[in-house]
Amino acid sequence: MELKIFSQTGELSGQNDYSDEPERITIPLKIDDAIVVRSPGAPARIASCKVVGAIHGRYLLITEPAVKISDRVSAVLDETLLCSCMCGDYLYIFYSRYRNRLMDNIVCIEYPREVEVRRIREHTRIEVNIETSVLIDGAEPVSAKMIDISRGGCRLAFDRRLQMTKGNRLSLTFELPNMIAVDKLGAVIAKIKQVNRTTETGLSFCAEERELSKIADFCELCRFI
Protein backbone atom coordinates (compact mmCIF):
# COMPACT_ATOMS: atom_id res chain seq x y z
CA MET A 1 0.00 0.00 0.00
CA GLU A 2 1.45 3.34 -1.09
CA LEU A 3 0.92 6.19 1.37
CA LYS A 4 0.64 9.92 0.80
CA ILE A 5 3.62 11.70 2.31
CA PHE A 6 5.19 15.16 2.29
CA SER A 7 8.01 15.67 -0.17
CA GLN A 8 11.11 17.78 0.38
CA THR A 9 9.47 20.72 -1.44
CA GLY A 10 6.54 20.78 0.95
CA GLU A 11 4.04 19.40 -1.59
CA LEU A 12 2.19 16.13 -1.25
CA SER A 13 3.34 13.13 -3.25
CA GLY A 14 2.19 9.57 -3.75
CA GLN A 15 -1.30 8.06 -3.54
CA ASN A 16 -3.37 6.48 -0.80
CA ASP A 17 -5.15 3.21 -1.46
CA TYR A 18 -7.55 2.47 1.39
CA SER A 19 -9.82 0.11 -0.55
CA ASP A 20 -10.68 -1.90 2.55
CA GLU A 21 -10.79 1.02 4.98
CA PRO A 22 -13.31 3.82 5.60
CA GLU A 23 -12.61 7.22 4.00
CA ARG A 24 -10.16 9.23 6.08
CA ILE A 25 -10.09 12.93 6.86
CA THR A 26 -7.43 14.86 4.92
CA ILE A 27 -6.13 18.21 6.15
CA PRO A 28 -4.40 20.17 3.34
CA LEU A 29 -1.18 20.81 5.27
CA LYS A 30 2.25 21.60 3.87
CA ILE A 31 5.69 21.50 5.39
CA ASP A 32 6.33 24.56 7.61
CA ASP A 33 2.60 25.25 8.10
CA ALA A 34 1.86 26.47 11.62
CA ILE A 35 -0.16 24.42 14.11
CA VAL A 36 -1.32 25.86 17.43
CA VAL A 37 -1.43 23.22 20.18
CA ARG A 38 -2.89 23.44 23.66
CA SER A 39 -3.84 21.19 26.55
CA PRO A 40 -7.65 20.82 26.96
CA GLY A 41 -7.18 20.40 30.72
CA ALA A 42 -4.92 23.46 31.06
CA PRO A 43 -6.07 26.18 28.62
CA ALA A 44 -3.15 28.45 29.52
CA ARG A 45 -0.69 25.90 28.11
CA ILE A 46 -0.48 26.91 24.45
CA ALA A 47 2.34 26.30 21.96
CA SER A 48 2.91 27.24 18.34
CA CYS A 49 4.51 24.47 16.25
CA LYS A 50 5.45 23.76 12.64
CA VAL A 51 4.55 20.80 10.44
CA VAL A 52 7.61 18.85 9.29
CA GLY A 53 5.88 15.84 7.69
CA ALA A 54 2.90 13.47 7.69
CA ILE A 55 1.37 10.28 6.45
CA HIS A 56 -2.29 11.18 5.98
CA GLY A 57 -4.58 9.04 8.06
CA ARG A 58 -1.68 7.81 10.21
CA TYR A 59 0.30 10.55 11.93
CA LEU A 60 1.65 14.10 11.84
CA LEU A 61 5.23 15.16 12.54
CA ILE A 62 5.53 18.54 14.24
CA THR A 63 8.13 20.54 16.11
CA GLU A 64 7.95 19.83 19.83
CA PRO A 65 5.04 21.71 21.49
CA ALA A 66 6.87 23.47 24.31
CA VAL A 67 5.13 26.12 26.42
CA LYS A 68 7.35 28.88 27.80
CA ILE A 69 6.48 29.40 31.46
CA SER A 70 9.33 31.80 32.24
CA ASP A 71 12.73 32.77 30.83
CA ARG A 72 14.22 29.61 32.33
CA VAL A 73 11.34 27.15 32.47
CA SER A 74 9.40 25.47 29.65
CA ALA A 75 6.81 22.69 29.75
CA VAL A 76 6.30 20.15 26.96
CA LEU A 77 2.76 19.11 26.06
CA ASP A 78 2.71 15.30 25.94
CA GLU A 79 -0.91 14.36 26.60
CA THR A 80 -4.20 14.82 24.73
CA LEU A 81 -3.73 17.79 22.40
CA LEU A 82 -6.25 20.28 21.03
CA CYS A 83 -4.83 21.49 17.72
CA SER A 84 -5.72 24.15 15.16
CA CYS A 85 -4.22 25.16 11.83
CA MET A 86 -5.08 27.60 9.06
CA CYS A 87 -5.23 26.32 5.48
CA GLY A 88 -6.32 29.04 3.10
CA ASP A 89 -9.42 30.75 4.53
CA TYR A 90 -10.32 27.76 6.73
CA LEU A 91 -9.46 26.94 10.33
CA TYR A 92 -9.13 23.21 11.08
CA ILE A 93 -9.64 22.17 14.73
CA PHE A 94 -9.03 18.63 15.96
CA TYR A 95 -7.92 16.48 18.91
CA SER A 96 -4.78 14.39 18.77
CA ARG A 97 -2.47 12.46 21.07
CA TYR A 98 1.27 12.50 21.58
CA ARG A 99 2.83 9.27 20.28
CA ASN A 100 6.60 9.59 20.61
CA ARG A 101 9.61 11.83 20.15
CA LEU A 102 11.70 11.17 17.05
CA MET A 103 14.61 13.51 17.76
CA ASP A 104 15.50 16.50 19.92
CA ASN A 105 12.72 18.80 18.73
CA ILE A 106 10.48 16.64 16.50
CA VAL A 107 7.51 14.65 17.81
CA CYS A 108 4.93 12.35 16.28
CA ILE A 109 1.22 12.88 17.02
CA GLU A 110 -1.84 10.92 15.88
CA TYR A 111 -3.65 11.95 12.71
CA PRO A 112 -7.22 13.05 13.57
CA ARG A 113 -10.27 11.02 12.62
CA GLU A 114 -12.65 13.95 13.18
CA VAL A 115 -11.98 17.59 12.23
CA GLU A 116 -14.04 20.74 12.75
CA VAL A 117 -13.69 23.20 9.86
CA ARG A 118 -14.49 26.91 10.18
CA ARG A 119 -14.26 29.58 7.50
CA ILE A 120 -12.22 32.53 8.79
CA ARG A 121 -12.15 35.99 7.29
CA GLU A 122 -8.70 36.96 6.07
CA HIS A 123 -6.83 39.60 8.06
CA THR A 124 -9.09 39.63 11.11
CA ARG A 125 -7.99 42.46 13.42
CA ILE A 126 -6.80 41.50 16.90
CA GLU A 127 -6.91 44.16 19.64
CA VAL A 128 -3.54 44.57 21.34
CA ASN A 129 -1.57 46.99 23.50
CA ILE A 130 2.03 46.70 22.33
CA GLU A 131 4.88 49.16 22.82
CA THR A 132 6.40 49.71 19.38
CA SER A 133 9.58 51.40 18.18
CA VAL A 134 8.98 53.20 14.87
CA LEU A 135 11.51 54.44 12.31
CA ILE A 136 10.04 57.05 9.96
CA ASP A 137 11.99 57.64 6.73
CA GLY A 138 15.26 56.76 8.46
CA ALA A 139 14.94 59.37 11.23
CA GLU A 140 15.45 58.69 14.94
CA PRO A 141 13.05 56.03 16.31
CA VAL A 142 9.91 57.20 18.12
CA SER A 143 7.64 55.27 20.48
CA ALA A 144 4.06 54.33 19.67
CA LYS A 145 1.29 52.17 21.07
CA MET A 146 0.00 49.45 18.74
CA ILE A 147 -3.80 49.30 19.06
CA ASP A 148 -4.64 46.37 16.81
CA ILE A 149 -2.90 44.05 14.38
CA SER A 150 -3.61 41.60 11.58
CA ARG A 151 -1.47 39.83 9.03
CA GLY A 152 -2.12 42.71 6.63
CA GLY A 153 -1.47 45.72 8.85
CA CYS A 154 -1.96 47.49 12.18
CA ARG A 155 -2.97 50.75 13.88
CA LEU A 156 -0.51 52.87 15.83
CA ALA A 157 -1.17 55.71 18.30
CA PHE A 158 1.48 58.37 18.97
CA ASP A 159 1.23 60.70 21.98
CA ARG A 160 2.23 63.72 19.87
CA ARG A 161 1.57 65.29 16.48
CA LEU A 162 3.91 64.03 13.79
CA GLN A 163 4.48 65.25 10.26
CA MET A 164 3.56 62.20 8.17
CA THR A 165 1.71 61.66 4.91
CA LYS A 166 -0.01 58.71 3.25
CA GLY A 167 2.53 56.53 1.48
CA ASN A 168 5.36 57.20 3.93
CA ARG A 169 7.36 54.03 4.67
CA LEU A 170 7.93 52.98 8.27
CA SER A 171 9.92 50.29 10.05
CA LEU A 172 8.44 48.69 13.20
CA THR A 173 10.15 46.75 15.98
CA PHE A 174 8.08 45.12 18.74
CA GLU A 175 7.40 41.93 20.68
CA LEU A 176 4.11 40.09 20.27
CA PRO A 177 2.25 38.96 23.42
CA ASN A 178 3.35 35.37 22.72
CA MET A 179 6.96 36.54 23.20
CA ILE A 180 7.86 36.45 19.49
CA ALA A 181 10.11 39.35 18.45
CA VAL A 182 9.40 41.20 15.20
CA ASP A 183 12.33 43.31 14.01
CA LYS A 184 12.27 46.11 11.42
CA LEU A 185 8.93 45.14 9.90
CA GLY A 186 8.25 47.24 6.80
CA ALA A 187 4.95 49.15 6.56
CA VAL A 188 3.31 51.93 4.55
CA ILE A 189 0.95 54.57 5.97
CA ALA A 190 -2.57 54.06 4.60
CA LYS A 191 -4.52 56.41 6.91
CA ILE A 192 -3.67 59.31 9.22
CA LYS A 193 -5.83 60.88 11.93
CA GLN A 194 -4.66 63.74 14.17
CA VAL A 195 -6.63 64.79 17.24
CA ASN A 196 -5.38 67.54 19.54
CA ARG A 197 -1.75 66.59 20.20
CA THR A 198 -1.95 62.96 19.17
CA THR A 199 -1.54 61.07 15.90
CA GLU A 200 -3.13 57.78 14.87
CA THR A 201 -2.07 55.88 11.75
CA GLY A 202 -3.36 52.87 9.87
CA LEU A 203 -0.55 50.86 8.30
CA SER A 204 -0.29 48.20 5.60
CA PHE A 205 2.58 45.74 6.01
CA CYS A 206 5.05 45.26 3.17
CA ALA A 207 7.52 42.74 4.53
CA GLU A 208 8.95 39.30 3.82
CA GLU A 209 6.71 36.30 4.39
CA ARG A 210 9.02 35.13 7.19
CA GLU A 211 8.13 38.16 9.32
CA LEU A 212 4.45 38.22 8.31
CA SER A 213 4.09 34.56 9.29
CA LYS A 214 4.96 35.47 12.89
CA ILE A 215 2.01 37.88 12.96
CA ALA A 216 -0.28 35.41 11.16
CA ASP A 217 0.55 32.70 13.73
CA PHE A 218 -0.19 35.08 16.61
CA CYS A 219 -3.53 36.18 15.08
CA GLU A 220 -4.48 32.55 14.49
CA LEU A 221 -3.64 31.75 18.10
CA CYS A 222 -5.92 34.57 19.30
CA ARG A 223 -8.80 33.44 17.07
CA PHE A 224 -8.35 29.87 18.30
CA ILE A 225 -8.49 30.94 21.95
C-alpha atoms as a PDB file:
ATOM      1  CA  MET A   1       0.000   0.000   0.000  1.00  0.00           C
ATOM      2  CA  GLU A   2       1.454   3.341  -1.090  1.00  0.00           C
ATOM      3  CA  LEU A   3       0.920   6.190   1.369  1.00  0.00           C
ATOM      4  CA  LYS A   4       0.637   9.919   0.797  1.00  0.00           C
ATOM      5  CA  ILE A   5       3.624  11.700   2.311  1.00  0.00           C
ATOM      6  CA  PHE A   6       5.187  15.159   2.295  1.00  0.00           C
ATOM      7  CA  SER A   7       8.012  15.674  -0.170  1.00  0.00           C
ATOM      8  CA  GLN A   8      11.113  17.781   0.379  1.00  0.00           C
ATOM      9  CA  THR A   9       9.473  20.722  -1.444  1.00  0.00           C
ATOM     10  CA  GLY A  10       6.543  20.782   0.949  1.00  0.00           C
ATOM     11  CA  GLU A  11       4.035  19.405  -1.594  1.00  0.00           C
ATOM     12  CA  LEU A  12       2.185  16.130  -1.247  1.00  0.00           C
ATOM     13  CA  SER A  13       3.339  13.131  -3.251  1.00  0.00           C
ATOM     14  CA  GLY A  14       2.185   9.566  -3.747  1.00  0.00           C
ATOM     15  CA  GLN A  15      -1.300   8.056  -3.540  1.00  0.00           C
ATOM     16  CA  ASN A  16      -3.373   6.475  -0.800  1.00  0.00           C
ATOM     17  CA  ASP A  17      -5.153   3.211  -1.463  1.00  0.00           C
ATOM     18  CA  TYR A  18      -7.548   2.468   1.393  1.00  0.00           C
ATOM     19  CA  SER A  19      -9.818   0.112  -0.547  1.00  0.00           C
ATOM     20  CA  ASP A  20     -10.680  -1.905   2.547  1.00  0.00           C
ATOM     21  CA  GLU A  21     -10.787   1.019   4.977  1.00  0.00           C
ATOM     22  CA  PRO A  22     -13.309   3.822   5.595  1.00  0.00           C
ATOM     23  CA  GLU A  23     -12.611   7.217   3.997  1.00  0.00           C
ATOM     24  CA  ARG A  24     -10.159   9.227   6.077  1.00  0.00           C
ATOM     25  CA  ILE A  25     -10.086  12.931   6.863  1.00  0.00           C
ATOM     26  CA  THR A  26      -7.431  14.864   4.918  1.00  0.00           C
ATOM     27  CA  ILE A  27      -6.134  18.212   6.155  1.00  0.00           C
ATOM     28  CA  PRO A  28      -4.399  20.174   3.340  1.00  0.00           C
ATOM     29  CA  LEU A  29      -1.184  20.808   5.270  1.00  0.00           C
ATOM     30  CA  LYS A  30       2.246  21.600   3.865  1.00  0.00           C
ATOM     31  CA  ILE A  31       5.693  21.503   5.390  1.00  0.00           C
ATOM     32  CA  ASP A  32       6.330  24.561   7.613  1.00  0.00           C
ATOM     33  CA  ASP A  33       2.595  25.249   8.095  1.00  0.00           C
ATOM     34  CA  ALA A  34       1.863  26.473  11.619  1.00  0.00           C
ATOM     35  CA  ILE A  35      -0.155  24.421  14.111  1.00  0.00           C
ATOM     36  CA  VAL A  36      -1.321  25.858  17.429  1.00  0.00           C
ATOM     37  CA  VAL A  37      -1.430  23.220  20.179  1.00  0.00           C
ATOM     38  CA  ARG A  38      -2.892  23.444  23.662  1.00  0.00           C
ATOM     39  CA  SER A  39      -3.843  21.186  26.554  1.00  0.00           C
ATOM     40  CA  PRO A  40      -7.647  20.816  26.962  1.00  0.00           C
ATOM     41  CA  GLY A  41      -7.179  20.405  30.716  1.00  0.00           C
ATOM     42  CA  ALA A  42      -4.920  23.463  31.062  1.00  0.00           C
ATOM     43  CA  PRO A  43      -6.066  26.177  28.615  1.00  0.00           C
ATOM     44  CA  ALA A  44      -3.150  28.448  29.520  1.00  0.00           C
ATOM     45  CA  ARG A  45      -0.693  25.898  28.106  1.00  0.00           C
ATOM     46  CA  ILE A  46      -0.479  26.914  24.450  1.00  0.00           C
ATOM     47  CA  ALA A  47       2.345  26.301  21.963  1.00  0.00           C
ATOM     48  CA  SER A  48       2.911  27.241  18.338  1.00  0.00           C
ATOM     49  CA  CYS A  49       4.506  24.469  16.251  1.00  0.00           C
ATOM     50  CA  LYS A  50       5.453  23.762  12.640  1.00  0.00           C
ATOM     51  CA  VAL A  51       4.549  20.800  10.436  1.00  0.00           C
ATOM     52  CA  VAL A  52       7.606  18.847   9.286  1.00  0.00           C
ATOM     53  CA  GLY A  53       5.883  15.843   7.687  1.00  0.00           C
ATOM     54  CA  ALA A  54       2.905  13.470   7.691  1.00  0.00           C
ATOM     55  CA  ILE A  55       1.369  10.285   6.453  1.00  0.00           C
ATOM     56  CA  HIS A  56      -2.291  11.182   5.983  1.00  0.00           C
ATOM     57  CA  GLY A  57      -4.575   9.039   8.062  1.00  0.00           C
ATOM     58  CA  ARG A  58      -1.677   7.807  10.205  1.00  0.00           C
ATOM     59  CA  TYR A  59       0.299  10.552  11.926  1.00  0.00           C
ATOM     60  CA  LEU A  60       1.648  14.104  11.838  1.00  0.00           C
ATOM     61  CA  LEU A  61       5.229  15.156  12.539  1.00  0.00           C
ATOM     62  CA  ILE A  62       5.532  18.540  14.239  1.00  0.00           C
ATOM     63  CA  THR A  63       8.127  20.540  16.115  1.00  0.00           C
ATOM     64  CA  GLU A  64       7.953  19.835  19.829  1.00  0.00           C
ATOM     65  CA  PRO A  65       5.036  21.706  21.488  1.00  0.00           C
ATOM     66  CA  ALA A  66       6.872  23.473  24.305  1.00  0.00           C
ATOM     67  CA  VAL A  67       5.135  26.117  26.425  1.00  0.00           C
ATOM     68  CA  LYS A  68       7.346  28.884  27.798  1.00  0.00           C
ATOM     69  CA  ILE A  69       6.476  29.399  31.455  1.00  0.00           C
ATOM     70  CA  SER A  70       9.333  31.796  32.237  1.00  0.00           C
ATOM     71  CA  ASP A  71      12.730  32.767  30.829  1.00  0.00           C
ATOM     72  CA  ARG A  72      14.224  29.609  32.335  1.00  0.00           C
ATOM     73  CA  VAL A  73      11.342  27.146  32.466  1.00  0.00           C
ATOM     74  CA  SER A  74       9.399  25.472  29.647  1.00  0.00           C
ATOM     75  CA  ALA A  75       6.807  22.689  29.747  1.00  0.00           C
ATOM     76  CA  VAL A  76       6.303  20.148  26.961  1.00  0.00           C
ATOM     77  CA  LEU A  77       2.756  19.108  26.063  1.00  0.00           C
ATOM     78  CA  ASP A  78       2.710  15.303  25.937  1.00  0.00           C
ATOM     79  CA  GLU A  79      -0.913  14.363  26.597  1.00  0.00           C
ATOM     80  CA  THR A  80      -4.196  14.819  24.728  1.00  0.00           C
ATOM     81  CA  LEU A  81      -3.732  17.795  22.396  1.00  0.00           C
ATOM     82  CA  LEU A  82      -6.253  20.284  21.033  1.00  0.00           C
ATOM     83  CA  CYS A  83      -4.827  21.492  17.720  1.00  0.00           C
ATOM     84  CA  SER A  84      -5.723  24.149  15.159  1.00  0.00           C
ATOM     85  CA  CYS A  85      -4.219  25.164  11.829  1.00  0.00           C
ATOM     86  CA  MET A  86      -5.079  27.601   9.058  1.00  0.00           C
ATOM     87  CA  CYS A  87      -5.232  26.315   5.475  1.00  0.00           C
ATOM     88  CA  GLY A  88      -6.323  29.044   3.100  1.00  0.00           C
ATOM     89  CA  ASP A  89      -9.418  30.747   4.529  1.00  0.00           C
ATOM     90  CA  TYR A  90     -10.320  27.762   6.726  1.00  0.00           C
ATOM     91  CA  LEU A  91      -9.456  26.941  10.329  1.00  0.00           C
ATOM     92  CA  TYR A  92      -9.133  23.206  11.083  1.00  0.00           C
ATOM     93  CA  ILE A  93      -9.643  22.168  14.725  1.00  0.00           C
ATOM     94  CA  PHE A  94      -9.033  18.633  15.964  1.00  0.00           C
ATOM     95  CA  TYR A  95      -7.916  16.483  18.908  1.00  0.00           C
ATOM     96  CA  SER A  96      -4.776  14.392  18.765  1.00  0.00           C
ATOM     97  CA  ARG A  97      -2.468  12.457  21.069  1.00  0.00           C
ATOM     98  CA  TYR A  98       1.275  12.503  21.580  1.00  0.00           C
ATOM     99  CA  ARG A  99       2.833   9.268  20.282  1.00  0.00           C
ATOM    100  CA  ASN A 100       6.600   9.595  20.611  1.00  0.00           C
ATOM    101  CA  ARG A 101       9.614  11.826  20.150  1.00  0.00           C
ATOM    102  CA  LEU A 102      11.696  11.174  17.046  1.00  0.00           C
ATOM    103  CA  MET A 103      14.609  13.505  17.760  1.00  0.00           C
ATOM    104  CA  ASP A 104      15.501  16.497  19.922  1.00  0.00           C
ATOM    105  CA  ASN A 105      12.721  18.804  18.728  1.00  0.00           C
ATOM    106  CA  ILE A 106      10.477  16.639  16.502  1.00  0.00           C
ATOM    107  CA  VAL A 107       7.510  14.653  17.812  1.00  0.00           C
ATOM    108  CA  CYS A 108       4.932  12.349  16.279  1.00  0.00           C
ATOM    109  CA  ILE A 109       1.215  12.876  17.020  1.00  0.00           C
ATOM    110  CA  GLU A 110      -1.837  10.916  15.884  1.00  0.00           C
ATOM    111  CA  TYR A 111      -3.649  11.947  12.708  1.00  0.00           C
ATOM    112  CA  PRO A 112      -7.217  13.048  13.566  1.00  0.00           C
ATOM    113  CA  ARG A 113     -10.269  11.016  12.620  1.00  0.00           C
ATOM    114  CA  GLU A 114     -12.647  13.954  13.178  1.00  0.00           C
ATOM    115  CA  VAL A 115     -11.981  17.588  12.235  1.00  0.00           C
ATOM    116  CA  GLU A 116     -14.043  20.737  12.754  1.00  0.00           C
ATOM    117  CA  VAL A 117     -13.686  23.199   9.861  1.00  0.00           C
ATOM    118  CA  ARG A 118     -14.492  26.911  10.182  1.00  0.00           C
ATOM    119  CA  ARG A 119     -14.256  29.581   7.505  1.00  0.00           C
ATOM    120  CA  ILE A 120     -12.220  32.525   8.792  1.00  0.00           C
ATOM    121  CA  ARG A 121     -12.149  35.990   7.286  1.00  0.00           C
ATOM    122  CA  GLU A 122      -8.698  36.955   6.069  1.00  0.00           C
ATOM    123  CA  HIS A 123      -6.827  39.600   8.059  1.00  0.00           C
ATOM    124  CA  THR A 124      -9.087  39.631  11.114  1.00  0.00           C
ATOM    125  CA  ARG A 125      -7.992  42.460  13.416  1.00  0.00           C
ATOM    126  CA  ILE A 126      -6.798  41.503  16.903  1.00  0.00           C
ATOM    127  CA  GLU A 127      -6.912  44.157  19.635  1.00  0.00           C
ATOM    128  CA  VAL A 128      -3.536  44.571  21.336  1.00  0.00           C
ATOM    129  CA  ASN A 129      -1.573  46.987  23.503  1.00  0.00           C
ATOM    130  CA  ILE A 130       2.033  46.704  22.331  1.00  0.00           C
ATOM    131  CA  GLU A 131       4.883  49.159  22.821  1.00  0.00           C
ATOM    132  CA  THR A 132       6.403  49.714  19.380  1.00  0.00           C
ATOM    133  CA  SER A 133       9.584  51.403  18.179  1.00  0.00           C
ATOM    134  CA  VAL A 134       8.980  53.197  14.871  1.00  0.00           C
ATOM    135  CA  LEU A 135      11.509  54.436  12.313  1.00  0.00           C
ATOM    136  CA  ILE A 136      10.039  57.052   9.955  1.00  0.00           C
ATOM    137  CA  ASP A 137      11.993  57.635   6.733  1.00  0.00           C
ATOM    138  CA  GLY A 138      15.263  56.764   8.461  1.00  0.00           C
ATOM    139  CA  ALA A 139      14.936  59.369  11.229  1.00  0.00           C
ATOM    140  CA  GLU A 140      15.447  58.688  14.938  1.00  0.00           C
ATOM    141  CA  PRO A 141      13.046  56.032  16.315  1.00  0.00           C
ATOM    142  CA  VAL A 142       9.907  57.203  18.121  1.00  0.00           C
ATOM    143  CA  SER A 143       7.644  55.270  20.484  1.00  0.00           C
ATOM    144  CA  ALA A 144       4.064  54.326  19.670  1.00  0.00           C
ATOM    145  CA  LYS A 145       1.294  52.165  21.068  1.00  0.00           C
ATOM    146  CA  MET A 146       0.000  49.448  18.737  1.00  0.00           C
ATOM    147  CA  ILE A 147      -3.804  49.298  19.061  1.00  0.00           C
ATOM    148  CA  ASP A 148      -4.641  46.371  16.806  1.00  0.00           C
ATOM    149  CA  ILE A 149      -2.897  44.051  14.377  1.00  0.00           C
ATOM    150  CA  SER A 150      -3.612  41.596  11.577  1.00  0.00           C
ATOM    151  CA  ARG A 151      -1.466  39.833   9.029  1.00  0.00           C
ATOM    152  CA  GLY A 152      -2.120  42.711   6.630  1.00  0.00           C
ATOM    153  CA  GLY A 153      -1.466  45.723   8.850  1.00  0.00           C
ATOM    154  CA  CYS A 154      -1.958  47.495  12.176  1.00  0.00           C
ATOM    155  CA  ARG A 155      -2.968  50.749  13.877  1.00  0.00           C
ATOM    156  CA  LEU A 156      -0.505  52.875  15.830  1.00  0.00           C
ATOM    157  CA  ALA A 157      -1.172  55.707  18.301  1.00  0.00           C
ATOM    158  CA  PHE A 158       1.480  58.375  18.971  1.00  0.00           C
ATOM    159  CA  ASP A 159       1.228  60.702  21.982  1.00  0.00           C
ATOM    160  CA  ARG A 160       2.230  63.724  19.867  1.00  0.00           C
ATOM    161  CA  ARG A 161       1.569  65.293  16.480  1.00  0.00           C
ATOM    162  CA  LEU A 162       3.912  64.030  13.790  1.00  0.00           C
ATOM    163  CA  GLN A 163       4.485  65.250  10.258  1.00  0.00           C
ATOM    164  CA  MET A 164       3.561  62.202   8.171  1.00  0.00           C
ATOM    165  CA  THR A 165       1.711  61.662   4.908  1.00  0.00           C
ATOM    166  CA  LYS A 166      -0.008  58.709   3.248  1.00  0.00           C
ATOM    167  CA  GLY A 167       2.526  56.533   1.482  1.00  0.00           C
ATOM    168  CA  ASN A 168       5.361  57.202   3.929  1.00  0.00           C
ATOM    169  CA  ARG A 169       7.358  54.033   4.666  1.00  0.00           C
ATOM    170  CA  LEU A 170       7.934  52.984   8.266  1.00  0.00           C
ATOM    171  CA  SER A 171       9.921  50.294  10.052  1.00  0.00           C
ATOM    172  CA  LEU A 172       8.440  48.685  13.199  1.00  0.00           C
ATOM    173  CA  THR A 173      10.153  46.747  15.975  1.00  0.00           C
ATOM    174  CA  PHE A 174       8.080  45.122  18.737  1.00  0.00           C
ATOM    175  CA  GLU A 175       7.400  41.928  20.676  1.00  0.00           C
ATOM    176  CA  LEU A 176       4.112  40.086  20.272  1.00  0.00           C
ATOM    177  CA  PRO A 177       2.246  38.963  23.418  1.00  0.00           C
ATOM    178  CA  ASN A 178       3.346  35.368  22.715  1.00  0.00           C
ATOM    179  CA  MET A 179       6.963  36.541  23.200  1.00  0.00           C
ATOM    180  CA  ILE A 180       7.864  36.447  19.486  1.00  0.00           C
ATOM    181  CA  ALA A 181      10.111  39.345  18.446  1.00  0.00           C
ATOM    182  CA  VAL A 182       9.398  41.199  15.196  1.00  0.00           C
ATOM    183  CA  ASP A 183      12.334  43.310  14.007  1.00  0.00           C
ATOM    184  CA  LYS A 184      12.275  46.108  11.418  1.00  0.00           C
ATOM    185  CA  LEU A 185       8.934  45.144   9.898  1.00  0.00           C
ATOM    186  CA  GLY A 186       8.252  47.238   6.800  1.00  0.00           C
ATOM    187  CA  ALA A 187       4.954  49.149   6.562  1.00  0.00           C
ATOM    188  CA  VAL A 188       3.309  51.930   4.551  1.00  0.00           C
ATOM    189  CA  ILE A 189       0.954  54.565   5.972  1.00  0.00           C
ATOM    190  CA  ALA A 190      -2.571  54.057   4.601  1.00  0.00           C
ATOM    191  CA  LYS A 191      -4.516  56.411   6.905  1.00  0.00           C
ATOM    192  CA  ILE A 192      -3.670  59.309   9.220  1.00  0.00           C
ATOM    193  CA  LYS A 193      -5.834  60.882  11.925  1.00  0.00           C
ATOM    194  CA  GLN A 194      -4.658  63.744  14.165  1.00  0.00           C
ATOM    195  CA  VAL A 195      -6.633  64.788  17.235  1.00  0.00           C
ATOM    196  CA  ASN A 196      -5.378  67.545  19.544  1.00  0.00           C
ATOM    197  CA  ARG A 197      -1.752  66.595  20.196  1.00  0.00           C
ATOM    198  CA  THR A 198      -1.951  62.958  19.172  1.00  0.00           C
ATOM    199  CA  THR A 199      -1.542  61.072  15.901  1.00  0.00           C
ATOM    200  CA  GLU A 200      -3.132  57.779  14.872  1.00  0.00           C
ATOM    201  CA  THR A 201      -2.074  55.881  11.753  1.00  0.00           C
ATOM    202  CA  GLY A 202      -3.357  52.868   9.870  1.00  0.00           C
ATOM    203  CA  LEU A 203      -0.546  50.860   8.295  1.00  0.00           C
ATOM    204  CA  SER A 204      -0.289  48.203   5.604  1.00  0.00           C
ATOM    205  CA  PHE A 205       2.578  45.739   6.012  1.00  0.00           C
ATOM    206  CA  CYS A 206       5.052  45.263   3.170  1.00  0.00           C
ATOM    207  CA  ALA A 207       7.522  42.738   4.531  1.00  0.00           C
ATOM    208  CA  GLU A 208       8.953  39.302   3.819  1.00  0.00           C
ATOM    209  CA  GLU A 209       6.711  36.302   4.393  1.00  0.00           C
ATOM    210  CA  ARG A 210       9.016  35.125   7.190  1.00  0.00           C
ATOM    211  CA  GLU A 211       8.126  38.161   9.323  1.00  0.00           C
ATOM    212  CA  LEU A 212       4.453  38.222   8.309  1.00  0.00           C
ATOM    213  CA  SER A 213       4.085  34.562   9.287  1.00  0.00           C
ATOM    214  CA  LYS A 214       4.965  35.473  12.893  1.00  0.00           C
ATOM    215  CA  ILE A 215       2.008  37.877  12.958  1.00  0.00           C
ATOM    216  CA  ALA A 216      -0.276  35.414  11.162  1.00  0.00           C
ATOM    217  CA  ASP A 217       0.554  32.700  13.730  1.00  0.00           C
ATOM    218  CA  PHE A 218      -0.190  35.081  16.611  1.00  0.00           C
ATOM    219  CA  CYS A 219      -3.534  36.184  15.085  1.00  0.00           C
ATOM    220  CA  GLU A 220      -4.484  32.549  14.491  1.00  0.00           C
ATOM    221  CA  LEU A 221      -3.642  31.747  18.100  1.00  0.00           C
ATOM    222  CA  CYS A 222      -5.924  34.572  19.302  1.00  0.00           C
ATOM    223  CA  ARG A 223      -8.797  33.436  17.069  1.00  0.00           C
ATOM    224  CA  PHE A 224      -8.352  29.870  18.301  1.00  0.00           C
ATOM    225  CA  ILE A 225      -8.486  30.939  21.946  1.00  0.00           C
END
